[in-house]
Amino acid sequence: MYTQGTDDESLRKWKEQLLGNVDINNVGESLEPDVKILSLSIVSPGRSDIILPIPESGKPEGRWFTLKEGCHYNLKFSFQVSHNIVAGLKYTNNVWKTGVRVYNIKEMLGTFSPQLEPYTYLTPEETTPSGYFARGSYSAKSRFVDDDNKCYLEISYSFDIRKDWATAE
C-alpha cells in the first residue's frame, strides 16, 4: 500500500503552486490552517448591503436580520486564511420554520492558501420565498468547515421574512 510522505514531489509542487510567494519552510506540515471569517453580508439589488455582526458566542441575540419576501439576494463572505492551505472550505446553511427543515445548502468555496489580503466570496443569487405562508420567523444554523471537517465558524440564529424590508432601527 502506498502512503504519501512529506517528500512526495507532486504534493510539494501542488503546495508551491497554491502558496505562491509564501515561504514553504514557514508553513510546515504540522501547522493547521486557520480561517477567520471577517464579515458576512446580504447583498440585494437596489439596496445597501446588510452587514451582519459576527457574535463571539456564535448566537446573535434576537432576530439577526429581516428579508423581504420574493427578493433576490446573494451572501458575501470575507475571510482570512493563515498558517497553511485550507482544503475544501465549505459553507453550509440549514433553515427551519416551526421545527421543519425548509431549506439547506452546501456551497463549496474552494481551496485557499494563506495570504495577508482577505478573500471575498459571493454565493450564487437566490430568491426568498413569498406569500402568506412564507412570511414569519425562521431559525437557522450556518457553518464554515473544511475537508477535514474542521469547523471555523458555526452560527445559530433567527431571522424573519416579511412583506417588506425592515425599517432602520
N, C-alpha and C. Protein backbone atom coordinates (compact mmCIF):
# COMPACT_ATOMS: atom_id res chain seq x y z
N MET A 1 0.85 -1.18 0.00
CA MET A 1 0.00 0.00 0.00
C MET A 1 0.89 1.24 0.00
N TYR A 2 0.54 2.21 -0.82
CA TYR A 2 1.31 3.44 -0.94
C TYR A 2 0.86 4.44 0.10
N THR A 3 1.80 5.00 0.84
CA THR A 3 1.49 6.09 1.77
C THR A 3 2.23 7.33 1.31
N GLN A 4 1.55 8.43 1.41
CA GLN A 4 2.11 9.68 0.92
C GLN A 4 3.02 10.28 1.97
N GLY A 5 4.29 10.43 1.64
CA GLY A 5 5.26 11.01 2.57
C GLY A 5 5.38 12.50 2.39
N THR A 6 6.13 13.12 3.29
CA THR A 6 6.30 14.56 3.22
C THR A 6 7.18 14.98 2.05
N ASP A 7 7.98 14.04 1.46
CA ASP A 7 8.81 14.41 0.33
C ASP A 7 8.18 13.99 -1.00
N ASP A 8 6.89 13.80 -1.03
CA ASP A 8 6.20 13.48 -2.28
C ASP A 8 6.30 14.69 -3.21
N GLU A 9 6.89 14.48 -4.38
CA GLU A 9 7.17 15.58 -5.33
C GLU A 9 5.89 16.27 -5.81
N SER A 10 4.83 15.51 -6.13
CA SER A 10 3.61 16.13 -6.63
C SER A 10 2.92 16.96 -5.54
N LEU A 11 2.96 16.48 -4.30
CA LEU A 11 2.39 17.24 -3.18
C LEU A 11 3.17 18.54 -2.98
N ARG A 12 4.49 18.46 -3.04
CA ARG A 12 5.33 19.66 -2.88
C ARG A 12 5.00 20.68 -3.96
N LYS A 13 4.90 20.24 -5.22
CA LYS A 13 4.59 21.16 -6.33
C LYS A 13 3.21 21.78 -6.17
N TRP A 14 2.23 20.97 -5.75
CA TRP A 14 0.87 21.47 -5.55
C TRP A 14 0.86 22.56 -4.48
N LYS A 15 1.57 22.31 -3.36
CA LYS A 15 1.63 23.31 -2.29
C LYS A 15 2.33 24.58 -2.76
N GLU A 16 3.42 24.44 -3.49
CA GLU A 16 4.13 25.63 -4.00
C GLU A 16 3.22 26.44 -4.91
N GLN A 17 2.44 25.75 -5.75
CA GLN A 17 1.52 26.45 -6.65
C GLN A 17 0.46 27.21 -5.86
N LEU A 18 -0.10 26.59 -4.83
CA LEU A 18 -1.13 27.24 -4.02
C LEU A 18 -0.58 28.34 -3.13
N LEU A 19 0.61 28.10 -2.60
CA LEU A 19 1.19 29.07 -1.66
C LEU A 19 1.78 30.29 -2.35
N GLY A 20 2.14 30.19 -3.61
CA GLY A 20 2.68 31.34 -4.32
C GLY A 20 3.93 31.87 -3.66
N ASN A 21 3.87 33.13 -3.16
CA ASN A 21 5.03 33.79 -2.59
C ASN A 21 5.29 33.47 -1.13
N VAL A 22 4.45 32.65 -0.51
CA VAL A 22 4.64 32.31 0.90
C VAL A 22 5.81 31.34 1.01
N ASP A 23 6.68 31.55 1.99
CA ASP A 23 7.83 30.67 2.20
C ASP A 23 7.34 29.31 2.69
N ILE A 24 7.51 28.30 1.85
CA ILE A 24 7.00 26.95 2.18
C ILE A 24 7.64 26.40 3.45
N ASN A 25 8.86 26.83 3.79
CA ASN A 25 9.50 26.36 5.01
C ASN A 25 8.84 26.92 6.26
N ASN A 26 8.15 28.07 6.13
CA ASN A 26 7.45 28.65 7.27
C ASN A 26 6.04 28.09 7.42
N VAL A 27 5.62 27.26 6.50
CA VAL A 27 4.27 26.69 6.52
C VAL A 27 4.40 25.19 6.72
N GLY A 28 5.11 24.79 7.71
CA GLY A 28 5.42 23.38 7.92
C GLY A 28 4.20 22.48 7.93
N GLU A 29 4.44 21.20 7.78
CA GLU A 29 3.37 20.20 7.73
C GLU A 29 2.53 20.19 9.01
N SER A 30 3.13 20.56 10.14
CA SER A 30 2.42 20.43 11.41
C SER A 30 1.44 21.59 11.66
N LEU A 31 1.58 22.70 10.96
CA LEU A 31 0.69 23.84 11.21
C LEU A 31 -0.68 23.60 10.61
N GLU A 32 -1.69 23.73 11.44
CA GLU A 32 -3.06 23.62 10.97
C GLU A 32 -3.48 24.93 10.30
N PRO A 33 -4.25 24.86 9.23
CA PRO A 33 -4.73 26.10 8.64
C PRO A 33 -5.67 26.80 9.61
N ASP A 34 -5.73 28.10 9.52
CA ASP A 34 -6.66 28.87 10.34
C ASP A 34 -7.46 29.77 9.41
N VAL A 35 -8.76 29.74 9.55
CA VAL A 35 -9.65 30.57 8.75
C VAL A 35 -10.44 31.43 9.72
N LYS A 36 -10.38 32.74 9.51
CA LYS A 36 -11.16 33.67 10.33
C LYS A 36 -12.17 34.35 9.43
N ILE A 37 -13.44 34.15 9.72
CA ILE A 37 -14.50 34.80 8.95
C ILE A 37 -14.56 36.25 9.45
N LEU A 38 -14.28 37.19 8.54
CA LEU A 38 -14.21 38.60 8.92
C LEU A 38 -15.55 39.30 8.81
N SER A 39 -16.33 38.96 7.77
CA SER A 39 -17.63 39.60 7.63
C SER A 39 -18.59 38.72 6.84
N LEU A 40 -19.87 38.89 7.15
CA LEU A 40 -20.97 38.24 6.45
C LEU A 40 -21.93 39.34 6.04
N SER A 41 -22.34 39.33 4.77
CA SER A 41 -23.26 40.36 4.29
C SER A 41 -24.32 39.75 3.39
N ILE A 42 -25.47 40.40 3.36
CA ILE A 42 -26.54 40.04 2.43
C ILE A 42 -26.59 41.16 1.40
N VAL A 43 -26.44 40.79 0.13
CA VAL A 43 -26.40 41.75 -0.97
C VAL A 43 -27.67 41.57 -1.79
N SER A 44 -28.44 42.65 -1.94
CA SER A 44 -29.67 42.60 -2.72
C SER A 44 -29.71 43.82 -3.65
N PRO A 45 -30.05 43.62 -4.92
CA PRO A 45 -30.05 44.73 -5.88
C PRO A 45 -30.91 45.92 -5.41
N GLY A 46 -30.37 47.12 -5.59
CA GLY A 46 -31.11 48.33 -5.26
C GLY A 46 -31.12 48.68 -3.78
N ARG A 47 -30.37 47.96 -2.97
CA ARG A 47 -30.32 48.22 -1.52
C ARG A 47 -28.87 48.25 -1.05
N SER A 48 -28.66 48.89 0.06
CA SER A 48 -27.34 48.82 0.70
C SER A 48 -27.16 47.41 1.24
N ASP A 49 -25.92 46.95 1.29
CA ASP A 49 -25.64 45.62 1.84
C ASP A 49 -26.07 45.58 3.31
N ILE A 50 -26.60 44.44 3.72
CA ILE A 50 -26.91 44.22 5.13
C ILE A 50 -25.69 43.52 5.72
N ILE A 51 -24.92 44.24 6.52
CA ILE A 51 -23.71 43.68 7.13
C ILE A 51 -24.10 43.08 8.47
N LEU A 52 -23.82 41.78 8.63
CA LEU A 52 -24.23 41.07 9.83
C LEU A 52 -23.06 40.98 10.81
N PRO A 53 -23.21 41.53 12.01
CA PRO A 53 -22.14 41.43 13.00
C PRO A 53 -21.99 39.97 13.46
N ILE A 54 -20.75 39.50 13.51
CA ILE A 54 -20.49 38.12 13.92
C ILE A 54 -20.28 38.10 15.43
N PRO A 55 -21.21 37.48 16.16
CA PRO A 55 -21.07 37.46 17.62
C PRO A 55 -20.00 36.47 18.07
N GLU A 56 -19.32 36.80 19.15
CA GLU A 56 -18.29 35.91 19.71
C GLU A 56 -18.89 34.56 20.11
N SER A 57 -20.12 34.58 20.62
CA SER A 57 -20.75 33.35 21.11
C SER A 57 -21.26 32.46 19.99
N GLY A 58 -21.39 33.00 18.77
CA GLY A 58 -21.96 32.23 17.67
C GLY A 58 -23.48 32.21 17.71
N LYS A 59 -24.07 33.01 18.61
CA LYS A 59 -25.53 33.05 18.72
C LYS A 59 -25.98 34.50 18.85
N PRO A 60 -26.33 35.14 17.72
CA PRO A 60 -26.82 36.51 17.81
C PRO A 60 -28.08 36.57 18.67
N GLU A 61 -28.21 37.65 19.42
CA GLU A 61 -29.38 37.83 20.26
C GLU A 61 -30.57 38.25 19.40
N GLY A 62 -31.71 37.63 19.62
CA GLY A 62 -32.93 38.00 18.90
C GLY A 62 -32.83 37.74 17.40
N ARG A 63 -33.64 38.49 16.66
CA ARG A 63 -33.67 38.36 15.21
C ARG A 63 -32.41 38.99 14.63
N TRP A 64 -31.68 38.25 13.79
CA TRP A 64 -30.41 38.74 13.25
C TRP A 64 -30.64 39.66 12.07
N PHE A 65 -31.67 39.40 11.26
CA PHE A 65 -31.97 40.24 10.11
C PHE A 65 -33.38 39.92 9.61
N THR A 66 -33.89 40.79 8.73
CA THR A 66 -35.19 40.59 8.09
C THR A 66 -35.00 40.71 6.59
N LEU A 67 -35.60 39.79 5.85
CA LEU A 67 -35.60 39.83 4.39
C LEU A 67 -37.00 40.08 3.88
N LYS A 68 -37.07 40.70 2.71
CA LYS A 68 -38.36 40.93 2.06
C LYS A 68 -38.72 39.68 1.27
N GLU A 69 -39.99 39.29 1.35
CA GLU A 69 -40.43 38.12 0.59
C GLU A 69 -40.22 38.35 -0.91
N GLY A 70 -39.81 37.32 -1.61
CA GLY A 70 -39.64 37.38 -3.05
C GLY A 70 -38.44 38.19 -3.53
N CYS A 71 -37.53 38.57 -2.65
CA CYS A 71 -36.39 39.38 -3.07
C CYS A 71 -35.24 38.50 -3.57
N HIS A 72 -34.44 39.05 -4.45
CA HIS A 72 -33.23 38.39 -4.93
C HIS A 72 -32.08 38.84 -4.03
N TYR A 73 -31.20 37.90 -3.70
CA TYR A 73 -30.08 38.25 -2.82
C TYR A 73 -28.91 37.29 -3.06
N ASN A 74 -27.73 37.72 -2.61
CA ASN A 74 -26.53 36.89 -2.56
C ASN A 74 -25.95 37.05 -1.17
N LEU A 75 -25.22 36.05 -0.73
CA LEU A 75 -24.46 36.17 0.50
C LEU A 75 -23.02 36.47 0.12
N LYS A 76 -22.38 37.35 0.89
CA LYS A 76 -20.99 37.70 0.63
C LYS A 76 -20.19 37.43 1.90
N PHE A 77 -19.12 36.65 1.75
CA PHE A 77 -18.25 36.32 2.88
C PHE A 77 -16.88 36.93 2.64
N SER A 78 -16.28 37.45 3.69
CA SER A 78 -14.90 37.89 3.65
C SER A 78 -14.18 37.09 4.73
N PHE A 79 -13.04 36.48 4.35
CA PHE A 79 -12.33 35.65 5.32
C PHE A 79 -10.84 35.69 5.08
N GLN A 80 -10.10 35.42 6.15
CA GLN A 80 -8.64 35.42 6.14
C GLN A 80 -8.15 33.99 6.36
N VAL A 81 -7.16 33.57 5.58
CA VAL A 81 -6.54 32.25 5.75
C VAL A 81 -5.10 32.46 6.19
N SER A 82 -4.70 31.76 7.25
CA SER A 82 -3.32 31.87 7.73
C SER A 82 -2.78 30.49 8.10
N HIS A 83 -1.49 30.41 8.28
CA HIS A 83 -0.72 29.24 8.70
C HIS A 83 -0.50 28.19 7.63
N ASN A 84 -1.54 27.76 6.93
CA ASN A 84 -1.38 26.69 5.95
C ASN A 84 -2.56 26.71 4.99
N ILE A 85 -2.49 25.89 3.97
CA ILE A 85 -3.55 25.80 2.98
C ILE A 85 -4.79 25.20 3.63
N VAL A 86 -5.96 25.79 3.37
CA VAL A 86 -7.22 25.19 3.81
C VAL A 86 -7.83 24.53 2.58
N ALA A 87 -8.07 23.24 2.67
CA ALA A 87 -8.58 22.47 1.54
C ALA A 87 -10.08 22.25 1.67
N GLY A 88 -10.79 22.55 0.59
CA GLY A 88 -12.22 22.25 0.53
C GLY A 88 -13.07 23.01 1.53
N LEU A 89 -12.87 24.31 1.64
CA LEU A 89 -13.69 25.12 2.55
C LEU A 89 -15.12 25.15 2.02
N LYS A 90 -16.08 24.82 2.89
CA LYS A 90 -17.49 24.78 2.52
C LYS A 90 -18.32 25.65 3.46
N TYR A 91 -19.42 26.18 2.91
CA TYR A 91 -20.41 26.89 3.70
C TYR A 91 -21.67 26.05 3.67
N THR A 92 -22.22 25.73 4.84
CA THR A 92 -23.49 25.01 4.89
C THR A 92 -24.49 25.86 5.65
N ASN A 93 -25.74 25.75 5.24
CA ASN A 93 -26.80 26.51 5.89
C ASN A 93 -28.06 25.65 5.92
N ASN A 94 -28.63 25.49 7.09
CA ASN A 94 -29.90 24.78 7.27
C ASN A 94 -30.89 25.73 7.90
N VAL A 95 -32.12 25.75 7.36
CA VAL A 95 -33.15 26.68 7.82
C VAL A 95 -34.40 25.88 8.20
N TRP A 96 -34.98 26.24 9.35
CA TRP A 96 -36.20 25.60 9.83
C TRP A 96 -37.29 26.64 10.07
N LYS A 97 -38.53 26.22 9.82
CA LYS A 97 -39.69 27.03 10.19
C LYS A 97 -40.61 26.12 10.97
N THR A 98 -40.97 26.54 12.15
CA THR A 98 -41.80 25.76 13.08
C THR A 98 -41.29 24.32 13.22
N GLY A 99 -39.98 24.18 13.35
CA GLY A 99 -39.38 22.88 13.61
C GLY A 99 -39.19 21.97 12.39
N VAL A 100 -39.61 22.41 11.22
CA VAL A 100 -39.47 21.61 10.00
C VAL A 100 -38.39 22.24 9.12
N ARG A 101 -37.43 21.40 8.68
CA ARG A 101 -36.38 21.94 7.82
C ARG A 101 -36.99 22.28 6.46
N VAL A 102 -36.82 23.55 6.06
CA VAL A 102 -37.42 24.03 4.81
C VAL A 102 -36.37 24.36 3.76
N TYR A 103 -35.10 24.37 4.16
CA TYR A 103 -34.05 24.75 3.20
C TYR A 103 -32.71 24.26 3.72
N ASN A 104 -31.88 23.77 2.81
CA ASN A 104 -30.50 23.52 3.17
C ASN A 104 -29.64 23.67 1.93
N ILE A 105 -28.41 24.11 2.17
CA ILE A 105 -27.47 24.32 1.08
C ILE A 105 -26.07 23.98 1.56
N LYS A 106 -25.27 23.44 0.65
CA LYS A 106 -23.85 23.23 0.91
C LYS A 106 -23.13 23.86 -0.27
N GLU A 107 -22.41 24.93 -0.02
CA GLU A 107 -21.71 25.68 -1.06
C GLU A 107 -20.20 25.48 -0.91
N MET A 108 -19.57 24.90 -1.94
CA MET A 108 -18.12 24.72 -1.92
C MET A 108 -17.47 26.05 -2.24
N LEU A 109 -16.68 26.58 -1.31
CA LEU A 109 -15.99 27.85 -1.54
C LEU A 109 -14.67 27.61 -2.25
N GLY A 110 -13.95 26.51 -1.90
CA GLY A 110 -12.71 26.18 -2.58
C GLY A 110 -11.55 25.91 -1.64
N THR A 111 -10.37 25.82 -2.23
CA THR A 111 -9.12 25.62 -1.50
C THR A 111 -8.34 26.92 -1.56
N PHE A 112 -7.83 27.37 -0.41
CA PHE A 112 -7.21 28.69 -0.33
C PHE A 112 -5.86 28.60 0.38
N SER A 113 -4.92 29.39 -0.11
CA SER A 113 -3.61 29.45 0.52
C SER A 113 -3.58 30.64 1.48
N PRO A 114 -2.66 30.62 2.44
CA PRO A 114 -2.56 31.75 3.36
C PRO A 114 -2.08 32.99 2.63
N GLN A 115 -2.65 34.13 2.97
CA GLN A 115 -2.22 35.41 2.41
C GLN A 115 -2.67 36.51 3.33
N LEU A 116 -2.02 37.67 3.20
CA LEU A 116 -2.36 38.81 4.06
C LEU A 116 -3.71 39.42 3.70
N GLU A 117 -4.01 39.49 2.40
CA GLU A 117 -5.27 40.10 1.96
C GLU A 117 -6.41 39.11 2.18
N PRO A 118 -7.57 39.59 2.64
CA PRO A 118 -8.71 38.69 2.83
C PRO A 118 -9.28 38.23 1.48
N TYR A 119 -9.86 37.07 1.49
CA TYR A 119 -10.60 36.55 0.34
C TYR A 119 -12.04 37.02 0.47
N THR A 120 -12.72 37.20 -0.68
CA THR A 120 -14.14 37.52 -0.69
C THR A 120 -14.82 36.52 -1.59
N TYR A 121 -15.96 36.00 -1.13
CA TYR A 121 -16.72 35.02 -1.90
C TYR A 121 -18.17 35.47 -1.97
N LEU A 122 -18.75 35.46 -3.16
CA LEU A 122 -20.15 35.82 -3.37
C LEU A 122 -20.90 34.58 -3.83
N THR A 123 -21.93 34.18 -3.08
CA THR A 123 -22.71 32.99 -3.44
C THR A 123 -23.58 33.28 -4.66
N PRO A 124 -24.04 32.24 -5.36
CA PRO A 124 -24.98 32.46 -6.46
C PRO A 124 -26.27 33.12 -5.94
N GLU A 125 -26.95 33.83 -6.83
CA GLU A 125 -28.17 34.54 -6.44
C GLU A 125 -29.27 33.57 -6.06
N GLU A 126 -30.01 33.93 -5.03
CA GLU A 126 -31.17 33.16 -4.58
C GLU A 126 -32.35 34.11 -4.45
N THR A 127 -33.54 33.55 -4.25
CA THR A 127 -34.75 34.33 -4.07
C THR A 127 -35.46 33.84 -2.82
N THR A 128 -35.87 34.77 -1.96
CA THR A 128 -36.61 34.36 -0.76
C THR A 128 -38.00 33.89 -1.19
N PRO A 129 -38.58 32.97 -0.43
CA PRO A 129 -39.94 32.54 -0.74
C PRO A 129 -40.91 33.70 -0.54
N SER A 130 -42.08 33.62 -1.15
CA SER A 130 -43.06 34.69 -0.99
C SER A 130 -44.44 34.10 -0.75
N GLY A 131 -45.32 34.95 -0.29
CA GLY A 131 -46.69 34.54 0.00
C GLY A 131 -46.94 34.51 1.50
N TYR A 132 -48.19 34.43 1.83
CA TYR A 132 -48.63 34.48 3.21
C TYR A 132 -47.92 33.43 4.07
N PHE A 133 -47.83 32.18 3.58
CA PHE A 133 -47.25 31.11 4.38
C PHE A 133 -45.73 31.18 4.48
N ALA A 134 -45.10 31.92 3.59
CA ALA A 134 -43.64 32.06 3.64
C ALA A 134 -43.21 33.09 4.67
N ARG A 135 -44.10 34.03 4.98
CA ARG A 135 -43.75 35.07 5.95
C ARG A 135 -43.67 34.49 7.35
N GLY A 136 -42.81 35.11 8.16
CA GLY A 136 -42.71 34.69 9.55
C GLY A 136 -41.28 34.54 10.00
N SER A 137 -41.14 33.86 11.13
CA SER A 137 -39.83 33.67 11.76
C SER A 137 -39.24 32.33 11.38
N TYR A 138 -37.92 32.33 11.21
CA TYR A 138 -37.17 31.13 10.85
C TYR A 138 -35.99 31.00 11.80
N SER A 139 -35.53 29.78 11.99
CA SER A 139 -34.27 29.56 12.71
C SER A 139 -33.31 28.90 11.74
N ALA A 140 -32.02 29.12 11.95
CA ALA A 140 -31.03 28.60 11.00
C ALA A 140 -29.72 28.32 11.71
N LYS A 141 -28.90 27.49 11.05
CA LYS A 141 -27.55 27.22 11.51
C LYS A 141 -26.64 27.25 10.29
N SER A 142 -25.63 28.09 10.35
CA SER A 142 -24.64 28.20 9.28
C SER A 142 -23.29 27.75 9.81
N ARG A 143 -22.53 27.05 8.94
CA ARG A 143 -21.21 26.55 9.35
C ARG A 143 -20.22 26.74 8.20
N PHE A 144 -18.97 26.98 8.57
CA PHE A 144 -17.85 27.00 7.64
C PHE A 144 -16.92 25.87 8.06
N VAL A 145 -16.77 24.84 7.22
CA VAL A 145 -15.94 23.68 7.54
C VAL A 145 -15.04 23.36 6.36
N ASP A 146 -13.94 22.62 6.63
CA ASP A 146 -13.05 22.21 5.55
C ASP A 146 -13.18 20.71 5.29
N ASP A 147 -12.36 20.19 4.38
CA ASP A 147 -12.41 18.77 4.02
C ASP A 147 -12.12 17.85 5.19
N ASP A 148 -11.39 18.34 6.19
CA ASP A 148 -11.10 17.54 7.38
C ASP A 148 -12.20 17.67 8.42
N ASN A 149 -13.29 18.33 8.06
CA ASN A 149 -14.44 18.58 8.93
C ASN A 149 -14.10 19.47 10.12
N LYS A 150 -13.04 20.29 9.97
CA LYS A 150 -12.70 21.28 11.00
C LYS A 150 -13.65 22.46 10.81
N CYS A 151 -14.33 22.85 11.87
CA CYS A 151 -15.30 23.94 11.82
C CYS A 151 -14.62 25.24 12.24
N TYR A 152 -14.71 26.26 11.38
CA TYR A 152 -14.09 27.56 11.66
C TYR A 152 -15.09 28.56 12.22
N LEU A 153 -16.37 28.37 11.92
CA LEU A 153 -17.41 29.24 12.47
C LEU A 153 -18.73 28.50 12.38
N GLU A 154 -19.49 28.54 13.47
CA GLU A 154 -20.85 28.00 13.48
C GLU A 154 -21.73 29.04 14.13
N ILE A 155 -22.80 29.41 13.44
CA ILE A 155 -23.71 30.42 13.95
C ILE A 155 -25.13 29.87 13.92
N SER A 156 -25.80 29.92 15.06
CA SER A 156 -27.23 29.57 15.15
C SER A 156 -27.97 30.89 15.35
N TYR A 157 -28.98 31.13 14.53
CA TYR A 157 -29.64 32.43 14.55
C TYR A 157 -31.09 32.32 14.11
N SER A 158 -31.80 33.44 14.28
CA SER A 158 -33.18 33.52 13.78
C SER A 158 -33.28 34.75 12.88
N PHE A 159 -34.19 34.67 11.92
CA PHE A 159 -34.44 35.80 11.02
C PHE A 159 -35.91 35.76 10.62
N ASP A 160 -36.36 36.86 10.03
CA ASP A 160 -37.74 36.96 9.58
C ASP A 160 -37.80 37.18 8.08
N ILE A 161 -38.87 36.69 7.47
CA ILE A 161 -39.24 37.07 6.11
C ILE A 161 -40.56 37.81 6.25
N ARG A 162 -40.57 39.05 5.78
CA ARG A 162 -41.74 39.92 5.92
C ARG A 162 -42.20 40.41 4.55
N LYS A 163 -43.34 41.09 4.55
CA LYS A 163 -43.90 41.62 3.31
C LYS A 163 -42.99 42.69 2.72
N ASP A 164 -42.24 43.40 3.58
CA ASP A 164 -41.34 44.43 3.12
C ASP A 164 -40.07 44.39 3.96
N TRP A 165 -39.05 45.10 3.49
CA TRP A 165 -37.78 45.17 4.21
C TRP A 165 -37.99 45.78 5.58
N ALA A 166 -37.15 45.43 6.53
CA ALA A 166 -37.19 46.04 7.86
C ALA A 166 -36.77 47.48 7.74
N THR A 167 -37.41 48.33 8.51
CA THR A 167 -37.00 49.73 8.53
C THR A 167 -35.78 49.84 9.43
N ALA A 168 -35.00 50.90 9.21
CA ALA A 168 -33.78 51.11 10.02
C ALA A 168 -34.17 51.23 11.47
N GLU A 169 -33.47 50.49 12.32
CA GLU A 169 -33.82 50.51 13.75
C GLU A 169 -32.86 51.33 14.54
